[in-house]
């Protein structure tokens, strides 16, 4: 197995910022969190979790899987660079649009299950 890149030290205030974000969740984040918390997919997720210098929407540390929910403000070079840095640190990143979670939660959950099963192999 390839060696993982050690995470960069966290920038000051990351933990405080992640707590604030938990209290300001979008409707899509709240809906997905209700569906995946309490080991609903057979593994534990953390919400607004610091990973290096980033705060990710959801993280499964066991499977090293990051879930990002995107609205209209996301996409582009900034997110691509962020994803590349997370991948370089050994995380798999999956992104869903907010409307996907709101309109097709069962499909999102099925996709997550299949990704978690593939990671377990």
N, C-alpha and C. Protein backbone atom coordinates (compact mmCIF):
# COMPACT_ATOMS: atom_id res chain seq x y z
N UNK A 1 0.84 -1.17 0.00
CA UNK A 1 0.00 0.00 0.00
C UNK A 1 0.89 1.24 0.00
N UNK A 2 0.50 2.26 -0.74
CA UNK A 2 1.30 3.49 -0.84
C UNK A 2 1.25 4.26 0.47
N UNK A 3 2.34 4.92 0.77
CA UNK A 3 2.40 5.73 1.98
C UNK A 3 1.50 6.94 1.82
N UNK A 4 0.82 7.30 2.88
CA UNK A 4 -0.07 8.45 2.85
C UNK A 4 0.72 9.70 3.19
N UNK A 5 0.36 10.78 2.54
CA UNK A 5 0.97 12.06 2.83
C UNK A 5 0.46 12.54 4.17
N UNK A 6 1.35 12.94 5.08
CA UNK A 6 0.87 13.42 6.38
C UNK A 6 0.08 14.71 6.20
N UNK A 7 -0.99 14.88 6.96
CA UNK A 7 -1.78 16.10 6.82
C UNK A 7 -0.98 17.31 7.30
N UNK A 8 -1.28 18.44 6.69
CA UNK A 8 -0.65 19.67 7.14
C UNK A 8 -1.22 20.04 8.49
N UNK A 9 -0.47 20.78 9.29
CA UNK A 9 -1.02 21.24 10.57
C UNK A 9 -2.26 22.09 10.32
N UNK A 10 -3.22 22.00 11.20
CA UNK A 10 -4.45 22.78 11.05
C UNK A 10 -4.18 24.26 11.24
N UNK A 11 -4.90 25.03 10.48
CA UNK A 11 -4.80 26.47 10.68
C UNK A 11 -5.56 26.83 11.95
N UNK A 12 -5.15 27.87 12.65
CA UNK A 12 -5.82 28.25 13.90
C UNK A 12 -7.30 28.54 13.65
N UNK A 13 -8.13 28.11 14.56
CA UNK A 13 -9.56 28.38 14.48
C UNK A 13 -10.37 27.37 13.71
N UNK A 14 -9.73 26.33 13.16
CA UNK A 14 -10.46 25.35 12.36
C UNK A 14 -11.53 24.63 13.17
N UNK A 15 -11.21 24.24 14.38
CA UNK A 15 -12.18 23.51 15.21
C UNK A 15 -13.35 24.43 15.57
N UNK A 16 -13.05 25.67 15.91
CA UNK A 16 -14.12 26.62 16.25
C UNK A 16 -15.01 26.86 15.03
N UNK A 17 -14.39 27.01 13.86
CA UNK A 17 -15.15 27.21 12.63
C UNK A 17 -16.02 26.00 12.31
N UNK A 18 -15.52 24.80 12.53
CA UNK A 18 -16.32 23.60 12.25
C UNK A 18 -17.54 23.54 13.16
N UNK A 19 -17.38 23.94 14.40
CA UNK A 19 -18.53 23.98 15.33
C UNK A 19 -19.57 24.98 14.84
N UNK A 20 -19.10 26.14 14.39
CA UNK A 20 -20.04 27.15 13.89
C UNK A 20 -20.81 26.63 12.68
N UNK A 21 -20.10 25.96 11.77
CA UNK A 21 -20.74 25.44 10.57
C UNK A 21 -21.79 24.37 10.90
N UNK A 22 -21.57 23.60 11.96
CA UNK A 22 -22.56 22.59 12.35
C UNK A 22 -23.90 23.23 12.71
N UNK A 23 -23.83 24.43 13.26
CA UNK A 23 -25.05 25.13 13.67
C UNK A 23 -25.69 25.89 12.52
N UNK A 24 -25.00 26.02 11.39
CA UNK A 24 -25.52 26.75 10.24
C UNK A 24 -25.66 25.83 9.03
N UNK A 25 -26.05 24.62 9.25
CA UNK A 25 -26.14 23.63 8.17
C UNK A 25 -27.22 24.01 7.16
N UNK A 26 -26.98 23.68 5.91
CA UNK A 26 -27.99 23.87 4.87
C UNK A 26 -29.07 22.79 5.04
N UNK A 27 -30.17 22.97 4.34
CA UNK A 27 -31.24 21.95 4.41
C UNK A 27 -30.74 20.61 3.88
N UNK A 28 -29.95 20.65 2.83
CA UNK A 28 -29.42 19.40 2.26
C UNK A 28 -28.48 18.71 3.24
N UNK A 29 -27.60 19.49 3.91
CA UNK A 29 -26.70 18.90 4.89
C UNK A 29 -27.47 18.27 6.05
N UNK A 30 -28.50 18.95 6.52
CA UNK A 30 -29.32 18.42 7.61
C UNK A 30 -30.01 17.14 7.18
N UNK A 31 -30.54 17.13 5.97
CA UNK A 31 -31.25 15.94 5.48
C UNK A 31 -30.30 14.74 5.34
N UNK A 32 -29.13 14.97 4.76
CA UNK A 32 -28.18 13.86 4.61
C UNK A 32 -27.68 13.40 5.98
N UNK A 33 -27.40 14.32 6.88
CA UNK A 33 -26.92 13.96 8.21
C UNK A 33 -27.92 13.06 8.94
N UNK A 34 -29.20 13.40 8.84
CA UNK A 34 -30.22 12.55 9.49
C UNK A 34 -30.22 11.15 8.91
N UNK A 35 -29.87 11.03 7.64
CA UNK A 35 -29.88 9.72 6.97
C UNK A 35 -28.63 8.89 7.25
N UNK A 36 -27.49 9.53 7.53
CA UNK A 36 -26.25 8.75 7.66
C UNK A 36 -25.72 8.66 9.08
N UNK A 37 -26.27 9.42 10.00
CA UNK A 37 -25.73 9.38 11.36
C UNK A 37 -26.13 8.08 12.06
N UNK A 38 -25.57 7.85 13.20
CA UNK A 38 -25.86 6.66 14.01
C UNK A 38 -25.59 5.36 13.25
N UNK A 39 -24.51 5.33 12.48
CA UNK A 39 -24.09 4.13 11.75
C UNK A 39 -25.14 3.59 10.79
N UNK A 40 -25.95 4.47 10.24
CA UNK A 40 -27.02 4.04 9.33
C UNK A 40 -26.47 3.31 8.10
N UNK A 41 -25.25 3.63 7.68
CA UNK A 41 -24.64 2.95 6.53
C UNK A 41 -23.61 1.92 6.97
N UNK A 42 -23.62 1.59 8.25
CA UNK A 42 -22.69 0.59 8.76
C UNK A 42 -21.34 1.15 9.18
N UNK A 43 -21.20 2.45 9.15
CA UNK A 43 -19.96 3.10 9.56
C UNK A 43 -20.29 4.49 10.10
N UNK A 44 -19.37 5.04 10.85
CA UNK A 44 -19.62 6.32 11.50
C UNK A 44 -19.14 7.47 10.63
N UNK A 45 -19.96 8.50 10.53
CA UNK A 45 -19.60 9.72 9.84
C UNK A 45 -19.49 10.85 10.85
N UNK A 46 -18.66 11.81 10.53
CA UNK A 46 -18.54 13.04 11.31
C UNK A 46 -19.01 14.19 10.43
N UNK A 47 -19.62 15.17 11.05
CA UNK A 47 -20.19 16.30 10.32
C UNK A 47 -19.31 17.54 10.52
N UNK A 48 -19.09 18.28 9.44
CA UNK A 48 -18.24 19.48 9.48
C UNK A 48 -16.93 19.16 10.20
N UNK A 49 -16.22 18.20 9.65
CA UNK A 49 -15.04 17.64 10.29
C UNK A 49 -13.76 18.26 9.73
N UNK A 50 -12.86 18.75 10.61
CA UNK A 50 -11.58 19.28 10.12
C UNK A 50 -10.69 18.15 9.59
N UNK A 51 -10.18 18.35 8.38
CA UNK A 51 -9.22 17.45 7.77
C UNK A 51 -8.09 18.34 7.25
N UNK A 52 -6.98 18.33 7.93
CA UNK A 52 -5.89 19.25 7.58
C UNK A 52 -6.37 20.68 7.74
N UNK A 53 -6.20 21.47 6.70
CA UNK A 53 -6.63 22.87 6.73
C UNK A 53 -8.06 23.06 6.24
N UNK A 54 -8.74 21.98 5.94
CA UNK A 54 -10.08 22.06 5.40
C UNK A 54 -11.11 21.61 6.42
N UNK A 55 -12.32 22.08 6.24
CA UNK A 55 -13.46 21.56 6.99
C UNK A 55 -14.35 20.92 5.94
N UNK A 56 -14.50 19.61 6.03
CA UNK A 56 -15.31 18.89 5.05
C UNK A 56 -16.72 18.72 5.59
N UNK A 57 -17.69 18.63 4.69
CA UNK A 57 -19.09 18.51 5.13
C UNK A 57 -19.30 17.25 5.96
N UNK A 58 -18.84 16.11 5.45
CA UNK A 58 -18.97 14.84 6.17
C UNK A 58 -17.71 14.02 5.91
N UNK A 59 -17.29 13.27 6.93
CA UNK A 59 -16.12 12.43 6.76
C UNK A 59 -16.33 11.11 7.48
N UNK A 60 -15.97 10.03 6.81
CA UNK A 60 -15.90 8.72 7.43
C UNK A 60 -14.42 8.42 7.57
N UNK A 61 -13.91 8.55 8.79
CA UNK A 61 -12.47 8.38 8.99
C UNK A 61 -12.05 6.93 8.77
N UNK A 62 -12.91 5.99 9.08
CA UNK A 62 -12.60 4.57 8.90
C UNK A 62 -12.35 4.24 7.43
N UNK A 63 -13.21 4.74 6.55
CA UNK A 63 -13.08 4.46 5.12
C UNK A 63 -12.31 5.56 4.39
N UNK A 64 -11.92 6.61 5.11
CA UNK A 64 -11.22 7.77 4.54
C UNK A 64 -12.00 8.32 3.35
N UNK A 65 -13.30 8.53 3.60
CA UNK A 65 -14.21 9.04 2.58
C UNK A 65 -14.75 10.40 3.02
N UNK A 66 -14.64 11.37 2.14
CA UNK A 66 -15.16 12.71 2.36
C UNK A 66 -16.38 12.90 1.47
N UNK A 67 -17.45 13.45 2.04
CA UNK A 67 -18.65 13.79 1.28
C UNK A 67 -18.78 15.31 1.31
N UNK A 68 -18.88 15.89 0.13
CA UNK A 68 -19.11 17.33 0.01
C UNK A 68 -20.44 17.55 -0.69
N UNK A 69 -21.24 18.45 -0.14
CA UNK A 69 -22.50 18.84 -0.77
C UNK A 69 -22.30 20.22 -1.37
N UNK A 70 -22.71 20.36 -2.61
CA UNK A 70 -22.46 21.59 -3.35
C UNK A 70 -23.74 22.28 -3.76
N UNK A 71 -23.75 23.58 -3.57
CA UNK A 71 -24.80 24.44 -4.10
C UNK A 71 -24.24 25.17 -5.30
N UNK A 72 -24.88 26.24 -5.67
CA UNK A 72 -24.47 27.00 -6.84
C UNK A 72 -23.11 27.66 -6.72
N UNK A 73 -22.60 27.88 -5.50
CA UNK A 73 -21.34 28.58 -5.30
C UNK A 73 -20.13 27.66 -5.45
N UNK A 74 -20.33 26.38 -5.65
CA UNK A 74 -19.20 25.44 -5.69
C UNK A 74 -18.84 25.05 -7.11
N UNK A 75 -17.75 24.34 -7.20
CA UNK A 75 -17.24 23.88 -8.48
C UNK A 75 -16.04 24.71 -8.88
N UNK A 76 -15.44 24.36 -9.95
CA UNK A 76 -14.34 25.15 -10.46
C UNK A 76 -12.99 24.76 -9.90
N UNK A 77 -12.00 25.63 -10.16
CA UNK A 77 -10.61 25.34 -9.81
C UNK A 77 -10.38 25.21 -8.31
N UNK A 78 -11.04 26.03 -7.53
CA UNK A 78 -10.82 26.00 -6.08
C UNK A 78 -11.20 24.64 -5.48
N UNK A 79 -12.39 24.16 -5.85
CA UNK A 79 -12.81 22.85 -5.34
C UNK A 79 -11.94 21.73 -5.90
N UNK A 80 -11.52 21.84 -7.14
CA UNK A 80 -10.66 20.82 -7.75
C UNK A 80 -9.32 20.76 -7.02
N UNK A 81 -8.75 21.91 -6.69
CA UNK A 81 -7.48 21.94 -5.96
C UNK A 81 -7.65 21.36 -4.56
N UNK A 82 -8.75 21.69 -3.92
CA UNK A 82 -9.05 21.17 -2.58
C UNK A 82 -9.18 19.65 -2.62
N UNK A 83 -9.94 19.15 -3.59
CA UNK A 83 -10.12 17.70 -3.73
C UNK A 83 -8.79 17.02 -4.00
N UNK A 84 -7.95 17.62 -4.83
CA UNK A 84 -6.65 17.03 -5.14
C UNK A 84 -5.79 16.94 -3.88
N UNK A 85 -5.83 17.96 -3.05
CA UNK A 85 -5.04 17.94 -1.83
C UNK A 85 -5.57 16.88 -0.85
N UNK A 86 -6.88 16.75 -0.75
CA UNK A 86 -7.45 15.71 0.11
C UNK A 86 -7.09 14.32 -0.41
N UNK A 87 -7.15 14.13 -1.71
CA UNK A 87 -6.79 12.83 -2.30
C UNK A 87 -5.32 12.52 -2.07
N UNK A 88 -4.48 13.53 -2.18
CA UNK A 88 -3.04 13.34 -1.94
C UNK A 88 -2.78 12.92 -0.50
N UNK A 89 -3.67 13.30 0.41
CA UNK A 89 -3.54 12.92 1.82
C UNK A 89 -4.21 11.58 2.10
N UNK A 90 -4.71 10.90 1.05
CA UNK A 90 -5.27 9.57 1.23
C UNK A 90 -6.78 9.51 1.40
N UNK A 91 -7.49 10.59 1.13
CA UNK A 91 -8.95 10.61 1.25
C UNK A 91 -9.58 10.44 -0.12
N UNK A 92 -10.70 9.75 -0.17
CA UNK A 92 -11.52 9.71 -1.38
C UNK A 92 -12.59 10.77 -1.21
N UNK A 93 -12.86 11.53 -2.25
CA UNK A 93 -13.81 12.64 -2.17
C UNK A 93 -14.96 12.37 -3.13
N UNK A 94 -16.17 12.50 -2.63
CA UNK A 94 -17.35 12.38 -3.47
C UNK A 94 -18.19 13.64 -3.26
N UNK A 95 -18.72 14.16 -4.35
CA UNK A 95 -19.52 15.37 -4.29
C UNK A 95 -20.92 15.10 -4.83
N UNK A 96 -21.89 15.67 -4.15
CA UNK A 96 -23.28 15.61 -4.59
C UNK A 96 -23.82 17.04 -4.60
N UNK A 97 -24.70 17.33 -5.53
CA UNK A 97 -25.37 18.62 -5.53
C UNK A 97 -26.46 18.61 -4.46
N UNK A 98 -26.71 19.77 -3.87
CA UNK A 98 -27.75 19.90 -2.86
C UNK A 98 -29.10 19.37 -3.37
N UNK A 99 -29.45 19.74 -4.62
CA UNK A 99 -30.75 19.29 -5.13
C UNK A 99 -30.81 17.78 -5.30
N UNK A 100 -29.66 17.14 -5.50
CA UNK A 100 -29.61 15.68 -5.59
C UNK A 100 -30.02 15.06 -4.25
N UNK A 101 -29.52 15.62 -3.16
CA UNK A 101 -29.85 15.13 -1.83
C UNK A 101 -31.33 15.38 -1.54
N UNK A 102 -31.82 16.54 -1.93
CA UNK A 102 -33.21 16.90 -1.63
C UNK A 102 -34.20 16.11 -2.48
N UNK A 103 -33.85 15.79 -3.72
CA UNK A 103 -34.79 15.15 -4.64
C UNK A 103 -34.56 13.65 -4.81
N UNK A 104 -33.36 13.16 -4.47
CA UNK A 104 -33.05 11.75 -4.70
C UNK A 104 -32.17 11.20 -3.58
N UNK A 105 -32.61 11.35 -2.35
CA UNK A 105 -31.83 10.90 -1.21
C UNK A 105 -31.55 9.41 -1.27
N UNK A 106 -32.52 8.61 -1.68
CA UNK A 106 -32.31 7.17 -1.77
C UNK A 106 -31.18 6.83 -2.75
N UNK A 107 -31.12 7.54 -3.87
CA UNK A 107 -30.05 7.31 -4.84
C UNK A 107 -28.69 7.69 -4.28
N UNK A 108 -28.63 8.81 -3.55
CA UNK A 108 -27.37 9.24 -2.93
C UNK A 108 -26.92 8.19 -1.92
N UNK A 109 -27.84 7.71 -1.09
CA UNK A 109 -27.50 6.70 -0.09
C UNK A 109 -27.05 5.40 -0.74
N UNK A 110 -27.68 5.00 -1.82
CA UNK A 110 -27.28 3.79 -2.54
C UNK A 110 -25.86 3.95 -3.10
N UNK A 111 -25.56 5.12 -3.64
CA UNK A 111 -24.23 5.38 -4.15
C UNK A 111 -23.20 5.33 -3.03
N UNK A 112 -23.51 5.93 -1.89
CA UNK A 112 -22.60 5.90 -0.75
C UNK A 112 -22.37 4.48 -0.25
N UNK A 113 -23.44 3.67 -0.17
CA UNK A 113 -23.29 2.27 0.24
C UNK A 113 -22.33 1.53 -0.67
N UNK A 114 -22.49 1.72 -1.97
CA UNK A 114 -21.62 1.01 -2.92
C UNK A 114 -20.18 1.48 -2.79
N UNK A 115 -19.95 2.76 -2.54
CA UNK A 115 -18.58 3.26 -2.35
C UNK A 115 -17.97 2.72 -1.07
N UNK A 116 -18.76 2.63 -0.02
CA UNK A 116 -18.26 2.09 1.25
C UNK A 116 -17.95 0.60 1.12
N UNK A 117 -18.79 -0.14 0.41
CA UNK A 117 -18.54 -1.56 0.20
C UNK A 117 -17.28 -1.76 -0.63
N UNK A 118 -17.07 -0.93 -1.65
CA UNK A 118 -15.86 -1.03 -2.48
C UNK A 118 -14.62 -0.71 -1.65
N UNK A 119 -14.73 0.23 -0.74
CA UNK A 119 -13.58 0.58 0.12
C UNK A 119 -13.23 -0.54 1.09
N UNK A 120 -14.25 -1.30 1.48
CA UNK A 120 -14.03 -2.39 2.45
C UNK A 120 -13.32 -3.58 1.82
N UNK A 121 -13.35 -3.69 0.50
CA UNK A 121 -12.72 -4.82 -0.19
C UNK A 121 -11.24 -4.71 -0.23
